[in-house]
Amino acid sequence: MNIDQLRTERNARLVACDFYFLQDMAEETPDAELLAIKLYRQALRDLPARYAGEEEIESVDWPEKPF
């Protein structure tokens, strides 16, 4: 996997949990769950920086989904 492929997968994982932040969903989701999702999303956004400069990424340490 290269960094572009990592970003593509990371973006797909972010999109998969976007719906939690729609107004009606966010109002019904407990605060603790929203916080866990926010932390997960931040870890996903930070992920490419951990692999900067690597030509080929052997394995990715993906953050664990909180749900």
PDB file of N, CA and C in Angstrom:
ATOM      1  N   MET A   1       0.853  -1.164   0.000  1.00  0.00           N
ATOM      2  CA  MET A   1       0.000   0.000   0.000  1.00  0.00           C
ATOM      3  C   MET A   1       0.902   1.231   0.000  1.00  0.00           C
ATOM      4  N   ASN A   2       0.532   2.220  -0.772  1.00  0.00           N
ATOM      5  CA  ASN A   2       1.271   3.477  -0.732  1.00  0.00           C
ATOM      6  C   ASN A   2       0.432   4.522   0.014  1.00  0.00           C
ATOM      7  N   ILE A   3       0.974   5.714   0.195  1.00  0.00           N
ATOM      8  CA  ILE A   3       0.307   6.746   0.994  1.00  0.00           C
ATOM      9  C   ILE A   3      -1.017   7.183   0.359  1.00  0.00           C
ATOM     10  N   ASP A   4      -1.101   7.194  -0.962  1.00  0.00           N
ATOM     11  CA  ASP A   4      -2.361   7.565  -1.614  1.00  0.00           C
ATOM     12  C   ASP A   4      -3.443   6.524  -1.349  1.00  0.00           C
ATOM     13  N   GLN A   5      -3.074   5.266  -1.360  1.00  0.00           N
ATOM     14  CA  GLN A   5      -4.030   4.203  -1.057  1.00  0.00           C
ATOM     15  C   GLN A   5      -4.464   4.272   0.409  1.00  0.00           C
ATOM     16  N   LEU A   6      -3.515   4.586   1.291  1.00  0.00           N
ATOM     17  CA  LEU A   6      -3.842   4.747   2.697  1.00  0.00           C
ATOM     18  C   LEU A   6      -4.863   5.866   2.869  1.00  0.00           C
ATOM     19  N   ARG A   7      -4.624   6.990   2.222  1.00  0.00           N
ATOM     20  CA  ARG A   7      -5.556   8.125   2.324  1.00  0.00           C
ATOM     21  C   ARG A   7      -6.933   7.773   1.768  1.00  0.00           C
ATOM     22  N   THR A   8      -6.971   7.018   0.684  1.00  0.00           N
ATOM     23  CA  THR A   8      -8.252   6.609   0.102  1.00  0.00           C
ATOM     24  C   THR A   8      -9.032   5.742   1.086  1.00  0.00           C
ATOM     25  N   GLU A   9      -8.363   4.785   1.695  1.00  0.00           N
ATOM     26  CA  GLU A   9      -9.020   3.923   2.686  1.00  0.00           C
ATOM     27  C   GLU A   9      -9.419   4.728   3.921  1.00  0.00           C
ATOM     28  N   ARG A  10      -8.544   5.606   4.357  1.00  0.00           N
ATOM     29  CA  ARG A  10      -8.842   6.457   5.513  1.00  0.00           C
ATOM     30  C   ARG A  10     -10.078   7.301   5.239  1.00  0.00           C
ATOM     31  N   ASN A  11     -10.159   7.890   4.046  1.00  0.00           N
ATOM     32  CA  ASN A  11     -11.314   8.719   3.692  1.00  0.00           C
ATOM     33  C   ASN A  11     -12.601   7.903   3.681  1.00  0.00           C
ATOM     34  N   ALA A  12     -12.537   6.684   3.204  1.00  0.00           N
ATOM     35  CA  ALA A  12     -13.713   5.812   3.200  1.00  0.00           C
ATOM     36  C   ALA A  12     -14.165   5.515   4.628  1.00  0.00           C
ATOM     37  N   ARG A  13     -13.219   5.321   5.521  1.00  0.00           N
ATOM     38  CA  ARG A  13     -13.570   5.055   6.916  1.00  0.00           C
ATOM     39  C   ARG A  13     -14.163   6.293   7.580  1.00  0.00           C
ATOM     40  N   LEU A  14     -13.694   7.465   7.202  1.00  0.00           N
ATOM     41  CA  LEU A  14     -14.287   8.696   7.724  1.00  0.00           C
ATOM     42  C   LEU A  14     -15.722   8.863   7.221  1.00  0.00           C
ATOM     43  N   VAL A  15     -15.921   8.634   5.949  1.00  0.00           N
ATOM     44  CA  VAL A  15     -17.261   8.757   5.361  1.00  0.00           C
ATOM     45  C   VAL A  15     -18.232   7.788   6.024  1.00  0.00           C
ATOM     46  N   ALA A  16     -17.749   6.610   6.379  1.00  0.00           N
ATOM     47  CA  ALA A  16     -18.609   5.584   6.979  1.00  0.00           C
ATOM     48  C   ALA A  16     -19.201   6.024   8.319  1.00  0.00           C
ATOM     49  N   CYS A  17     -18.616   7.011   8.959  1.00  0.00           N
ATOM     50  CA  CYS A  17     -19.178   7.459  10.241  1.00  0.00           C
ATOM     51  C   CYS A  17     -19.597   8.932  10.212  1.00  0.00           C
ATOM     52  N   ASP A  18     -19.672   9.527   9.039  1.00  0.00           N
ATOM     53  CA  ASP A  18     -20.134  10.912   8.915  1.00  0.00           C
ATOM     54  C   ASP A  18     -21.549  11.104   9.442  1.00  0.00           C
ATOM     55  N   PHE A  19     -22.410  10.110   9.245  1.00  0.00           N
ATOM     56  CA  PHE A  19     -23.818  10.267   9.580  1.00  0.00           C
ATOM     57  C   PHE A  19     -24.048  10.538  11.064  1.00  0.00           C
ATOM     58  N   TYR A  20     -23.085  10.177  11.922  1.00  0.00           N
ATOM     59  CA  TYR A  20     -23.231  10.458  13.348  1.00  0.00           C
ATOM     60  C   TYR A  20     -23.303  11.954  13.634  1.00  0.00           C
ATOM     61  N   PHE A  21     -22.834  12.758  12.699  1.00  0.00           N
ATOM     62  CA  PHE A  21     -22.777  14.192  12.932  1.00  0.00           C
ATOM     63  C   PHE A  21     -23.869  14.958  12.204  1.00  0.00           C
ATOM     64  N   LEU A  22     -24.810  14.234  11.608  1.00  0.00           N
ATOM     65  CA  LEU A  22     -26.015  14.875  11.108  1.00  0.00           C
ATOM     66  C   LEU A  22     -26.805  15.307  12.341  1.00  0.00           C
ATOM     67  N   GLN A  23     -27.464  16.436  12.264  1.00  0.00           N
ATOM     68  CA  GLN A  23     -28.090  17.019  13.441  1.00  0.00           C
ATOM     69  C   GLN A  23     -29.015  16.050  14.180  1.00  0.00           C
ATOM     70  N   ASP A  24     -29.914  15.391  13.472  1.00  0.00           N
ATOM     71  CA  ASP A  24     -30.852  14.511  14.160  1.00  0.00           C
ATOM     72  C   ASP A  24     -30.157  13.310  14.802  1.00  0.00           C
ATOM     73  N   MET A  25     -29.133  12.790  14.170  1.00  0.00           N
ATOM     74  CA  MET A  25     -28.403  11.648  14.724  1.00  0.00           C
ATOM     75  C   MET A  25     -27.563  12.086  15.927  1.00  0.00           C
ATOM     76  N   ALA A  26     -26.909  13.234  15.815  1.00  0.00           N
ATOM     77  CA  ALA A  26     -26.060  13.732  16.896  1.00  0.00           C
ATOM     78  C   ALA A  26     -26.880  14.020  18.150  1.00  0.00           C
ATOM     79  N   GLU A  27     -28.087  14.489  17.971  1.00  0.00           N
ATOM     80  CA  GLU A  27     -28.942  14.786  19.124  1.00  0.00           C
ATOM     81  C   GLU A  27     -29.355  13.514  19.857  1.00  0.00           C
ATOM     82  N   GLU A  28     -29.445  12.400  19.158  1.00  0.00           N
ATOM     83  CA  GLU A  28     -29.895  11.146  19.755  1.00  0.00           C
ATOM     84  C   GLU A  28     -28.756  10.252  20.228  1.00  0.00           C
ATOM     85  N   THR A  29     -27.535  10.589  19.870  1.00  0.00           N
ATOM     86  CA  THR A  29     -26.380   9.770  20.250  1.00  0.00           C
ATOM     87  C   THR A  29     -25.837  10.252  21.589  1.00  0.00           C
ATOM     88  N   PRO A  30     -25.639   9.344  22.530  1.00  0.00           N
ATOM     89  CA  PRO A  30     -25.088   9.747  23.837  1.00  0.00           C
ATOM     90  C   PRO A  30     -23.736  10.458  23.688  1.00  0.00           C
ATOM     91  N   ASP A  31     -23.501  11.386  24.578  1.00  0.00           N
ATOM     92  CA  ASP A  31     -22.265  12.183  24.527  1.00  0.00           C
ATOM     93  C   ASP A  31     -21.014  11.321  24.545  1.00  0.00           C
ATOM     94  N   ALA A  32     -21.009  10.265  25.332  1.00  0.00           N
ATOM     95  CA  ALA A  32     -19.826   9.396  25.412  1.00  0.00           C
ATOM     96  C   ALA A  32     -19.538   8.736  24.062  1.00  0.00           C
ATOM     97  N   GLU A  33     -20.589   8.334  23.354  1.00  0.00           N
ATOM     98  CA  GLU A  33     -20.406   7.724  22.032  1.00  0.00           C
ATOM     99  C   GLU A  33     -19.901   8.749  21.021  1.00  0.00           C
ATOM    100  N   LEU A  34     -20.462   9.951  21.073  1.00  0.00           N
ATOM    101  CA  LEU A  34     -19.992  11.005  20.161  1.00  0.00           C
ATOM    102  C   LEU A  34     -18.523  11.318  20.407  1.00  0.00           C
ATOM    103  N   LEU A  35     -18.120  11.375  21.656  1.00  0.00           N
ATOM    104  CA  LEU A  35     -16.720  11.638  21.975  1.00  0.00           C
ATOM    105  C   LEU A  35     -15.835  10.527  21.427  1.00  0.00           C
ATOM    106  N   ALA A  36     -16.246   9.277  21.598  1.00  0.00           N
ATOM    107  CA  ALA A  36     -15.465   8.148  21.085  1.00  0.00           C
ATOM    108  C   ALA A  36     -15.337   8.227  19.564  1.00  0.00           C
ATOM    109  N   ILE A  37     -16.403   8.603  18.899  1.00  0.00           N
ATOM    110  CA  ILE A  37     -16.383   8.725  17.429  1.00  0.00           C
ATOM    111  C   ILE A  37     -15.475   9.878  17.007  1.00  0.00           C
ATOM    112  N   LYS A  38     -15.538  10.983  17.734  1.00  0.00           N
ATOM    113  CA  LYS A  38     -14.669  12.129  17.417  1.00  0.00           C
ATOM    114  C   LYS A  38     -13.201  11.742  17.567  1.00  0.00           C
ATOM    115  N   LEU A  39     -12.868  11.014  18.625  1.00  0.00           N
ATOM    116  CA  LEU A  39     -11.482  10.580  18.837  1.00  0.00           C
ATOM    117  C   LEU A  39     -11.032   9.616  17.747  1.00  0.00           C
ATOM    118  N   TYR A  40     -11.911   8.712  17.356  1.00  0.00           N
ATOM    119  CA  TYR A  40     -11.628   7.773  16.265  1.00  0.00           C
ATOM    120  C   TYR A  40     -11.358   8.529  14.969  1.00  0.00           C
ATOM    121  N   ARG A  41     -12.211   9.509  14.661  1.00  0.00           N
ATOM    122  CA  ARG A  41     -12.054  10.284  13.430  1.00  0.00           C
ATOM    123  C   ARG A  41     -10.748  11.090  13.453  1.00  0.00           C
ATOM    124  N   GLN A  42     -10.389  11.629  14.619  1.00  0.00           N
ATOM    125  CA  GLN A  42      -9.133  12.369  14.710  1.00  0.00           C
ATOM    126  C   GLN A  42      -7.953  11.437  14.493  1.00  0.00           C
ATOM    127  N   ALA A  43      -8.017  10.246  15.045  1.00  0.00           N
ATOM    128  CA  ALA A  43      -6.942   9.267  14.841  1.00  0.00           C
ATOM    129  C   ALA A  43      -6.823   8.911  13.356  1.00  0.00           C
ATOM    130  N   LEU A  44      -7.957   8.797  12.670  1.00  0.00           N
ATOM    131  CA  LEU A  44      -7.920   8.530  11.225  1.00  0.00           C
ATOM    132  C   LEU A  44      -7.278   9.699  10.477  1.00  0.00           C
ATOM    133  N   ARG A  45      -7.641  10.919  10.848  1.00  0.00           N
ATOM    134  CA  ARG A  45      -7.067  12.089  10.159  1.00  0.00           C
ATOM    135  C   ARG A  45      -5.563  12.201  10.395  1.00  0.00           C
ATOM    136  N   ASP A  46      -5.102  11.780  11.576  1.00  0.00           N
ATOM    137  CA  ASP A  46      -3.673  11.858  11.916  1.00  0.00           C
ATOM    138  C   ASP A  46      -2.857  10.725  11.302  1.00  0.00           C
ATOM    139  N   LEU A  47      -3.511   9.691  10.855  1.00  0.00           N
ATOM    140  CA  LEU A  47      -2.830   8.478  10.394  1.00  0.00           C
ATOM    141  C   LEU A  47      -1.786   8.703   9.293  1.00  0.00           C
ATOM    142  N   PRO A  48      -2.074   9.441   8.223  1.00  0.00           N
ATOM    143  CA  PRO A  48      -1.064   9.580   7.152  1.00  0.00           C
ATOM    144  C   PRO A  48       0.264  10.164   7.633  1.00  0.00           C
ATOM    145  N   ALA A  49       0.224  11.023   8.630  1.00  0.00           N
ATOM    146  CA  ALA A  49       1.466  11.628   9.137  1.00  0.00           C
ATOM    147  C   ALA A  49       2.393  10.572   9.745  1.00  0.00           C
ATOM    148  N   ARG A  50       1.813   9.490  10.269  1.00  0.00           N
ATOM    149  CA  ARG A  50       2.636   8.425  10.864  1.00  0.00           C
ATOM    150  C   ARG A  50       3.401   7.634   9.814  1.00  0.00           C
ATOM    151  N   TYR A  51       2.958   7.711   8.568  1.00  0.00           N
ATOM    152  CA  TYR A  51       3.593   6.934   7.496  1.00  0.00           C
ATOM    153  C   TYR A  51       4.261   7.828   6.450  1.00  0.00           C
ATOM    154  N   ALA A  52       4.428   9.096   6.771  1.00  0.00           N
ATOM    155  CA  ALA A  52       5.046  10.037   5.843  1.00  0.00           C
ATOM    156  C   ALA A  52       6.454   9.582   5.486  1.00  0.00           C
ATOM    157  N   GLY A  53       6.796   9.668   4.236  1.00  0.00           N
ATOM    158  CA  GLY A  53       8.128   9.320   3.779  1.00  0.00           C
ATOM    159  C   GLY A  53       8.325   7.851   3.453  1.00  0.00           C
ATOM    160  N   GLU A  54       7.347   7.023   3.728  1.00  0.00           N
ATOM    161  CA  GLU A  54       7.475   5.598   3.404  1.00  0.00           C
ATOM    162  C   GLU A  54       6.985   5.361   1.985  1.00  0.00           C
ATOM    163  N   GLU A  55       7.802   4.714   1.195  1.00  0.00           N
ATOM    164  CA  GLU A  55       7.431   4.392  -0.188  1.00  0.00           C
ATOM    165  C   GLU A  55       6.334   3.336  -0.220  1.00  0.00           C
ATOM    166  N   GLU A  56       6.553   2.272   0.517  1.00  0.00           N
ATOM    167  CA  GLU A  56       5.596   1.160   0.567  1.00  0.00           C
ATOM    168  C   GLU A  56       5.262   0.895   2.035  1.00  0.00           C
ATOM    169  N   ILE A  57       3.977   0.877   2.341  1.00  0.00           N
ATOM    170  CA  ILE A  57       3.525   0.660   3.707  1.00  0.00           C
ATOM    171  C   ILE A  57       3.138  -0.807   3.835  1.00  0.00           C
ATOM    172  N   GLU A  58       3.892  -1.523   4.653  1.00  0.00           N
ATOM    173  CA  GLU A  58       3.680  -2.970   4.803  1.00  0.00           C
ATOM    174  C   GLU A  58       2.378  -3.272   5.516  1.00  0.00           C
ATOM    175  N   SER A  59       2.152  -2.621   6.641  1.00  0.00           N
ATOM    176  CA  SER A  59       0.908  -2.822   7.379  1.00  0.00           C
ATOM    177  C   SER A  59       0.531  -1.505   8.063  1.00  0.00           C
ATOM    178  N   VAL A  60      -0.760  -1.297   8.180  1.00  0.00           N
ATOM    179  CA  VAL A  60      -1.260  -0.060   8.780  1.00  0.00           C
ATOM    180  C   VAL A  60      -1.883  -0.401  10.125  1.00  0.00           C
ATOM    181  N   ASP A  61      -1.541   0.378  11.121  1.00  0.00           N
ATOM    182  CA  ASP A  61      -2.117   0.211  12.437  1.00  0.00           C
ATOM    183  C   ASP A  61      -3.365   1.101  12.514  1.00  0.00           C
ATOM    184  N   TRP A  62      -4.475   0.578  11.964  1.00  0.00           N
ATOM    185  CA  TRP A  62      -5.722   1.340  11.921  1.00  0.00           C
ATOM    186  C   TRP A  62      -6.281   1.518  13.319  1.00  0.00           C
ATOM    187  N   PRO A  63      -6.826   2.713  13.617  1.00  0.00           N
ATOM    188  CA  PRO A  63      -7.469   2.875  14.923  1.00  0.00           C
ATOM    189  C   PRO A  63      -8.702   1.978  15.009  1.00  0.00           C
ATOM    190  N   GLU A  64      -9.017   1.550  16.201  1.00  0.00           N
ATOM    191  CA  GLU A  64     -10.150   0.650  16.406  1.00  0.00           C
ATOM    192  C   GLU A  64     -11.458   1.450  16.384  1.00  0.00           C
ATOM    193  N   LYS A  65     -12.439   0.930  15.659  1.00  0.00           N
ATOM    194  CA  LYS A  65     -13.755   1.563  15.603  1.00  0.00           C
ATOM    195  C   LYS A  65     -14.399   1.484  16.983  1.00  0.00           C
ATOM    196  N   PRO A  66     -14.989   2.587  17.425  1.00  0.00           N
ATOM    197  CA  PRO A  66     -15.611   2.565  18.747  1.00  0.00           C
ATOM    198  C   PRO A  66     -17.025   1.982  18.743  1.00  0.00           C
ATOM    199  N   PHE A  67     -17.492   1.566  17.593  1.00  0.00           N
ATOM    200  CA  PHE A  67     -18.887   1.091  17.509  1.00  0.00           C
ATOM    201  C   PHE A  67     -18.958  -0.196  16.741  1.00  0.00           C
TER     202      PHE A  67
END
